[in-house]
Amino acid sequence: MGKPTTGDFTKTSGWMDWYTDPAKPRFQLPAGSVDAHCHIFGPGEIFPYASERKYTPCDATAAQLFALRDHLGFEKNVIVQATCHGADNRALVDALLRAGGKARGVATVRRSVSDAELQAMHDAGVRGVRFNFVKRLVDFTPKDELMEIAERIKAWGWHVVIYFEAIDLPELWDFFTALPTTVVVDHMGRPDVSLPVDGAQFSLFRKFMRAHPNVWSKVSCPERLSVTGPKALNGEQNAYTDVIPFARAIVEEFSDRVLWGTDWPHPNLKDHMPDDGLLVDFIPHIARSAELQHKLLVDNPNRLYWRERSEQAPG
């Protein structure tokens, strides 16, 4: 595995040991590629973690993320606010300002957020808000508050990112389909990949995307979804073969509405910590042509996060 020449991957102490020696990917990313789902944590002494957090990570800073970006061959990042920071978006905004236009953000906000705060986040590069419905990670925010937030952020041209588990889609369907913005689903709605790809559970998710052309999906995080784990495929260590049919189905049917990201630094993983370089080598197994790869990594994320928009919400 190729070890970076900088010191930016030095391991920090704490609960979460993210992979510090990522391989150089065999797969060459197309020019302009975007890591469309990643996080930063802290540093805690500057940006404290939320008191209501369900887990405490070790620090994973903007400098370390940008070093990983360059090492893997990405041009840009989309940084998603992690639950351990709650609705305090200062670490996210700081990272966006440090990125020099090479990063966009997805924030977490509450009903009390002011228009001035939303405008400041927009100016920094925030282009969406995240609604988390994974019960082990957060306490649910009331749906009326979330709908109010969605209506407000629509004025800035932002979208809503939703994180949920497949088993909960039926009860959340009506709320999701009522959202007035583009909706981006994290990690294909976390399907149970031990079930058939054409079974009832994943077929419902595909029906959800077919019925609602404003719904996009990230085909990321095989390390979170896999039951078989990182077993060899064609000589490559990090295959997660049981996830491939699910991600491939979404990429091939909804090629203009898919995104991919590393999920670095992989918060709250307990079984194994993935090598981000080998995660990149997962991409050609789910996007099997140069055209699909370009849409997944370049066209779609740039269209969603970097397209021309008004710099101020209409008033």
Protein backbone atom coordinates (compact mmCIF):
# COMPACT_ATOMS: atom_id res chain seq x y z
CA MET A 1 0.00 0.00 0.00
CA GLY A 2 1.19 3.47 -0.81
CA LYS A 3 1.86 5.62 2.19
CA PRO A 4 1.50 9.42 1.80
CA THR A 5 4.68 11.40 2.05
CA THR A 6 3.09 14.10 4.21
CA GLY A 7 2.41 13.78 7.91
CA ASP A 8 -1.28 14.52 7.48
CA PHE A 9 -2.35 10.92 8.05
CA THR A 10 -0.72 10.61 11.46
CA LYS A 11 -3.02 8.59 13.67
CA THR A 12 -4.69 10.41 16.51
CA SER A 13 -5.66 8.72 19.73
CA GLY A 14 -9.27 8.06 20.63
CA TRP A 15 -12.22 5.81 20.03
CA MET A 16 -12.02 5.75 16.23
CA ASP A 17 -8.81 4.71 14.49
CA TRP A 18 -9.34 5.63 10.87
CA TYR A 19 -7.08 3.98 8.31
CA THR A 20 -3.79 5.87 8.26
CA ASP A 21 -1.97 4.22 5.35
CA PRO A 22 -4.40 4.23 2.40
CA ALA A 23 -3.39 2.46 -0.78
CA LYS A 24 -2.98 4.34 -4.01
CA PRO A 25 -6.03 3.23 -6.03
CA ARG A 26 -5.54 1.06 -9.07
CA PHE A 27 -8.61 2.68 -10.61
CA GLN A 28 -7.73 6.04 -12.10
CA LEU A 29 -10.45 8.55 -11.28
CA PRO A 30 -11.68 10.72 -14.16
CA ALA A 31 -10.56 14.35 -14.06
CA GLY A 32 -12.83 16.50 -11.93
CA SER A 33 -13.99 13.64 -9.66
CA VAL A 34 -15.81 14.51 -6.43
CA ASP A 35 -15.77 12.58 -3.16
CA ALA A 36 -19.44 13.38 -2.51
CA HIS A 37 -19.77 12.02 1.03
CA CYS A 38 -17.14 12.55 3.72
CA HIS A 39 -16.90 14.10 7.17
CA ILE A 40 -14.59 16.02 9.45
CA PHE A 41 -14.39 15.83 13.24
CA GLY A 42 -13.10 18.67 15.36
CA PRO A 43 -10.39 19.18 16.34
CA GLY A 44 -12.34 18.85 19.55
CA GLU A 45 -10.36 21.48 21.43
CA ILE A 46 -11.46 24.06 18.85
CA PHE A 47 -14.83 22.67 17.73
CA PRO A 48 -16.26 20.69 20.68
CA TYR A 49 -18.49 17.69 20.07
CA ALA A 50 -22.20 17.97 20.87
CA SER A 51 -23.25 17.08 24.40
CA GLU A 52 -26.12 14.97 23.02
CA ARG A 53 -23.85 12.90 20.72
CA LYS A 54 -24.25 9.12 20.58
CA TYR A 55 -20.55 8.50 19.89
CA THR A 56 -17.27 10.34 20.40
CA PRO A 57 -14.76 10.13 17.56
CA CYS A 58 -11.11 11.00 17.47
CA ASP A 59 -10.22 14.15 15.57
CA ALA A 60 -10.25 13.95 11.77
CA THR A 61 -9.43 17.41 10.47
CA ALA A 62 -9.94 19.33 7.26
CA ALA A 63 -6.19 19.19 6.52
CA GLN A 64 -6.23 15.41 6.83
CA LEU A 65 -9.30 15.14 4.59
CA PHE A 66 -7.73 17.32 1.90
CA ALA A 67 -4.53 15.28 2.04
CA LEU A 68 -6.62 12.14 1.47
CA ARG A 69 -8.42 13.86 -1.41
CA ASP A 70 -5.13 14.56 -3.15
CA HIS A 71 -3.72 11.10 -2.41
CA LEU A 72 -6.74 9.31 -3.90
CA GLY A 73 -6.98 11.61 -6.90
CA PHE A 74 -10.21 13.49 -6.24
CA GLU A 75 -10.53 17.15 -7.15
CA LYS A 76 -13.29 18.14 -4.70
CA ASN A 77 -15.20 17.06 -1.60
CA VAL A 78 -18.74 17.27 -0.31
CA ILE A 79 -18.46 17.39 3.49
CA VAL A 80 -21.51 16.16 5.40
CA GLN A 81 -22.16 17.34 8.94
CA ALA A 82 -21.71 14.39 11.29
CA THR A 83 -24.14 13.68 14.11
CA CYS A 84 -21.40 14.00 16.76
CA HIS A 85 -21.30 17.77 16.05
CA GLY A 86 -25.10 18.15 16.23
CA ALA A 87 -26.33 21.41 14.71
CA ASP A 88 -23.08 23.23 15.47
CA ASN A 89 -21.74 23.65 11.93
CA ARG A 90 -18.61 25.67 12.80
CA ALA A 91 -16.15 22.88 11.98
CA LEU A 92 -17.91 22.29 8.66
CA VAL A 93 -17.93 25.97 7.71
CA ASP A 94 -14.28 26.34 8.71
CA ALA A 95 -13.34 23.42 6.45
CA LEU A 96 -15.30 24.87 3.53
CA LEU A 97 -13.56 28.21 3.90
CA ARG A 98 -10.18 26.46 3.96
CA ALA A 99 -10.99 24.48 0.81
CA GLY A 100 -10.65 27.34 -1.64
CA GLY A 101 -13.79 26.45 -3.58
CA LYS A 102 -12.94 22.74 -3.74
CA ALA A 103 -15.56 21.70 -1.18
CA ARG A 104 -19.28 22.03 -0.61
CA GLY A 105 -21.16 21.19 2.55
CA VAL A 106 -24.33 19.60 3.90
CA ALA A 107 -25.30 21.08 7.27
CA THR A 108 -27.59 20.16 10.14
CA VAL A 109 -29.87 22.99 11.26
CA ARG A 110 -32.69 23.56 13.69
CA ARG A 111 -35.89 25.54 13.34
CA SER A 112 -34.28 28.42 15.24
CA VAL A 113 -31.62 29.04 12.55
CA SER A 114 -31.80 32.60 11.25
CA ASP A 115 -31.82 33.69 7.62
CA ALA A 116 -28.51 35.46 8.27
CA GLU A 117 -26.98 32.17 9.49
CA LEU A 118 -28.30 30.33 6.43
CA GLN A 119 -26.87 33.03 4.17
CA ALA A 120 -23.47 32.82 5.87
CA MET A 121 -23.45 29.04 5.39
CA HIS A 122 -24.45 29.44 1.75
CA ASP A 123 -21.62 31.91 1.20
CA ALA A 124 -19.19 29.39 2.72
CA GLY A 125 -20.40 26.62 0.39
CA VAL A 126 -23.25 24.80 2.15
CA ARG A 127 -25.76 23.48 -0.38
CA GLY A 128 -27.95 21.12 1.63
CA VAL A 129 -29.24 20.01 5.00
CA ARG A 130 -29.25 16.50 6.41
CA PHE A 131 -32.23 14.86 8.11
CA ASN A 132 -31.18 11.78 10.11
CA PHE A 133 -33.73 9.05 10.85
CA VAL A 134 -31.34 6.34 12.11
CA LYS A 135 -32.61 5.77 15.62
CA ARG A 136 -29.33 4.55 17.10
CA LEU A 137 -27.59 7.78 16.07
CA VAL A 138 -30.04 10.57 16.85
CA ASP A 139 -33.33 11.41 18.49
CA PHE A 140 -35.85 12.22 15.77
CA THR A 141 -36.63 15.86 15.09
CA PRO A 142 -40.41 16.39 14.69
CA LYS A 143 -41.46 16.13 11.05
CA ASP A 144 -43.25 19.49 11.10
CA GLU A 145 -39.97 21.16 12.07
CA LEU A 146 -38.10 19.32 9.33
CA MET A 147 -40.69 20.33 6.74
CA GLU A 148 -40.42 23.95 7.86
CA ILE A 149 -36.64 23.78 7.45
CA ALA A 150 -37.01 22.21 3.99
CA GLU A 151 -39.34 25.00 2.87
CA ARG A 152 -36.87 27.62 4.09
CA ILE A 153 -33.72 26.17 2.55
CA LYS A 154 -35.50 25.73 -0.79
CA ALA A 155 -35.15 29.51 -1.25
CA TRP A 156 -31.35 29.10 -1.41
CA GLY A 157 -31.59 26.27 -3.94
CA TRP A 158 -30.41 23.76 -1.35
CA HIS A 159 -31.46 20.12 -1.19
CA VAL A 160 -32.28 17.67 1.62
CA VAL A 161 -30.11 14.63 2.40
CA ILE A 162 -31.96 11.83 4.19
CA TYR A 163 -30.34 9.05 6.20
CA PHE A 164 -32.55 6.11 7.12
CA GLU A 165 -32.60 2.33 7.19
CA ALA A 166 -34.49 0.31 4.58
CA ILE A 167 -36.86 -1.25 7.07
CA ASP A 168 -38.20 2.22 7.93
CA LEU A 169 -38.92 3.41 4.37
CA PRO A 170 -42.64 2.45 4.38
CA GLU A 171 -43.41 4.63 7.40
CA LEU A 172 -41.28 7.51 6.09
CA TRP A 173 -42.47 7.36 2.46
CA ASP A 174 -45.18 10.03 2.72
CA PHE A 175 -42.89 12.50 4.47
CA PHE A 176 -40.04 11.98 2.02
CA THR A 177 -42.27 12.38 -1.02
CA ALA A 178 -43.71 15.63 0.36
CA LEU A 179 -40.30 17.33 0.64
CA PRO A 180 -40.20 20.36 -1.71
CA THR A 181 -36.55 20.02 -2.79
CA THR A 182 -34.21 17.58 -4.45
CA VAL A 183 -33.81 14.66 -2.03
CA VAL A 184 -30.52 12.73 -1.75
CA VAL A 185 -30.60 9.34 -0.02
CA ASP A 186 -27.52 8.28 1.92
CA HIS A 187 -26.10 4.83 1.06
CA MET A 188 -29.12 3.49 -0.89
CA GLY A 189 -31.24 3.64 2.24
CA ARG A 190 -29.05 1.02 3.94
CA PRO A 191 -30.53 -2.13 2.34
CA ASP A 192 -30.16 -5.56 3.89
CA VAL A 193 -27.82 -7.06 1.30
CA SER A 194 -28.42 -10.58 2.59
CA LEU A 195 -31.84 -10.30 0.94
CA PRO A 196 -32.33 -10.67 -2.83
CA VAL A 197 -31.57 -7.60 -4.93
CA ASP A 198 -34.95 -8.13 -6.63
CA GLY A 199 -36.73 -8.82 -3.36
CA ALA A 200 -39.46 -6.74 -1.79
CA GLN A 201 -37.26 -4.49 0.33
CA PHE A 202 -34.89 -3.21 -2.36
CA SER A 203 -37.63 -3.21 -5.00
CA LEU A 204 -39.51 -0.73 -2.82
CA PHE A 205 -36.50 1.57 -2.77
CA ARG A 206 -36.19 1.38 -6.57
CA LYS A 207 -39.92 2.09 -6.85
CA PHE A 208 -39.36 5.13 -4.62
CA MET A 209 -36.69 6.45 -7.01
CA ARG A 210 -38.72 5.65 -10.13
CA ALA A 211 -41.81 7.40 -8.82
CA HIS A 212 -39.98 10.55 -7.72
CA PRO A 213 -37.48 12.03 -10.20
CA ASN A 214 -36.30 14.51 -7.56
CA VAL A 215 -34.79 11.61 -5.55
CA TRP A 216 -31.06 10.86 -5.89
CA SER A 217 -29.02 8.14 -4.17
CA LYS A 218 -25.48 7.74 -2.92
CA VAL A 219 -24.11 4.31 -3.80
CA SER A 220 -21.47 4.57 -1.10
CA CYS A 221 -20.45 2.71 2.05
CA PRO A 222 -20.18 -0.94 1.01
CA GLU A 223 -18.18 -1.42 4.21
CA ARG A 224 -21.30 -0.53 6.23
CA LEU A 225 -23.69 -2.70 4.22
CA SER A 226 -21.65 -5.82 3.54
CA VAL A 227 -22.24 -9.08 5.36
CA THR A 228 -19.38 -10.94 3.69
CA GLY A 229 -16.88 -8.13 4.30
CA PRO A 230 -13.69 -7.31 2.37
CA LYS A 231 -13.08 -10.57 0.50
CA ALA A 232 -10.95 -10.96 -2.59
CA LEU A 233 -12.36 -10.32 -6.06
CA ASN A 234 -10.14 -10.54 -9.14
CA GLY A 235 -7.09 -10.16 -6.93
CA GLU A 236 -8.43 -7.06 -5.16
CA GLN A 237 -8.68 -7.22 -1.40
CA ASN A 238 -11.56 -4.86 -0.80
CA ALA A 239 -14.45 -6.23 -2.84
CA TYR A 240 -17.60 -6.31 -0.66
CA THR A 241 -19.07 -8.53 -3.35
CA ASP A 242 -22.51 -8.84 -1.75
CA VAL A 243 -23.08 -5.08 -2.12
CA ILE A 244 -22.14 -4.90 -5.81
CA PRO A 245 -25.49 -6.04 -7.29
CA PHE A 246 -27.40 -3.44 -5.26
CA ALA A 247 -25.17 -0.50 -6.11
CA ARG A 248 -24.82 -1.58 -9.74
CA ALA A 249 -28.61 -1.74 -10.13
CA ILE A 250 -29.01 1.84 -8.90
CA VAL A 251 -26.12 3.17 -11.01
CA GLU A 252 -27.42 1.55 -14.18
CA GLU A 253 -31.09 2.48 -13.76
CA PHE A 254 -30.62 6.00 -12.35
CA SER A 255 -27.30 7.04 -13.88
CA ASP A 256 -28.12 10.77 -13.76
CA ARG A 257 -29.08 10.70 -10.07
CA VAL A 258 -26.27 8.84 -8.32
CA LEU A 259 -23.32 10.01 -6.23
CA TRP A 260 -20.36 8.27 -4.58
CA GLY A 261 -18.21 9.10 -1.58
CA THR A 262 -15.61 7.55 0.69
CA ASP A 263 -17.48 8.27 3.97
CA TRP A 264 -14.05 9.10 5.46
CA PRO A 265 -13.23 8.84 8.34
CA HIS A 266 -15.91 6.14 8.62
CA PRO A 267 -17.60 7.12 11.88
CA ASN A 268 -19.03 4.54 14.24
CA LEU A 269 -17.63 1.49 12.42
CA LYS A 270 -16.78 -1.37 14.75
CA ASP A 271 -16.03 -4.45 12.60
CA HIS A 272 -13.15 -3.16 10.49
CA MET A 273 -11.73 0.12 9.27
CA PRO A 274 -11.59 0.24 5.45
CA ASP A 275 -8.68 1.29 3.30
CA ASP A 276 -9.96 4.30 1.35
CA GLY A 277 -7.73 3.54 -1.61
CA LEU A 278 -9.30 0.10 -1.94
CA LEU A 279 -12.77 1.62 -1.58
CA VAL A 280 -12.03 3.66 -4.71
CA ASP A 281 -11.22 0.38 -6.46
CA PHE A 282 -14.81 -0.71 -5.71
CA ILE A 283 -16.13 1.92 -8.15
CA PRO A 284 -15.53 0.14 -11.48
CA HIS A 285 -17.42 -2.90 -10.15
CA ILE A 286 -20.59 -0.83 -9.77
CA ALA A 287 -20.11 1.64 -12.64
CA ARG A 288 -18.87 -0.59 -15.44
CA SER A 289 -18.33 1.91 -18.24
CA ALA A 290 -16.38 5.13 -18.58
CA GLU A 291 -19.66 6.94 -19.24
CA LEU A 292 -21.25 5.69 -16.02
CA GLN A 293 -18.10 6.46 -14.05
CA HIS A 294 -18.01 10.01 -15.37
CA LYS A 295 -21.65 10.60 -14.49
CA LEU A 296 -21.22 9.14 -11.01
CA LEU A 297 -18.02 10.95 -10.10
CA VAL A 298 -17.97 14.15 -12.17
CA ASP A 299 -21.19 15.17 -13.92
CA ASN A 300 -23.73 14.47 -11.20
CA PRO A 301 -21.94 15.93 -8.14
CA ASN A 302 -20.81 19.01 -10.05
CA ARG A 303 -24.34 19.58 -11.36
CA LEU A 304 -25.82 19.29 -7.87
CA TYR A 305 -23.19 21.19 -5.85
CA TRP A 306 -21.33 23.58 -8.16
CA ARG A 307 -23.90 24.78 -10.68
CA GLU A 308 -24.61 28.49 -11.01
CA ARG A 309 -27.14 29.74 -8.50
CA SER A 310 -28.22 33.00 -6.96
CA GLU A 311 -25.82 34.00 -4.23
CA GLN A 312 -28.62 35.26 -2.04
CA ALA A 313 -32.00 33.87 -1.16
CA PRO A 314 -34.94 35.74 -2.68
CA GLY A 315 -36.49 38.08 -0.19
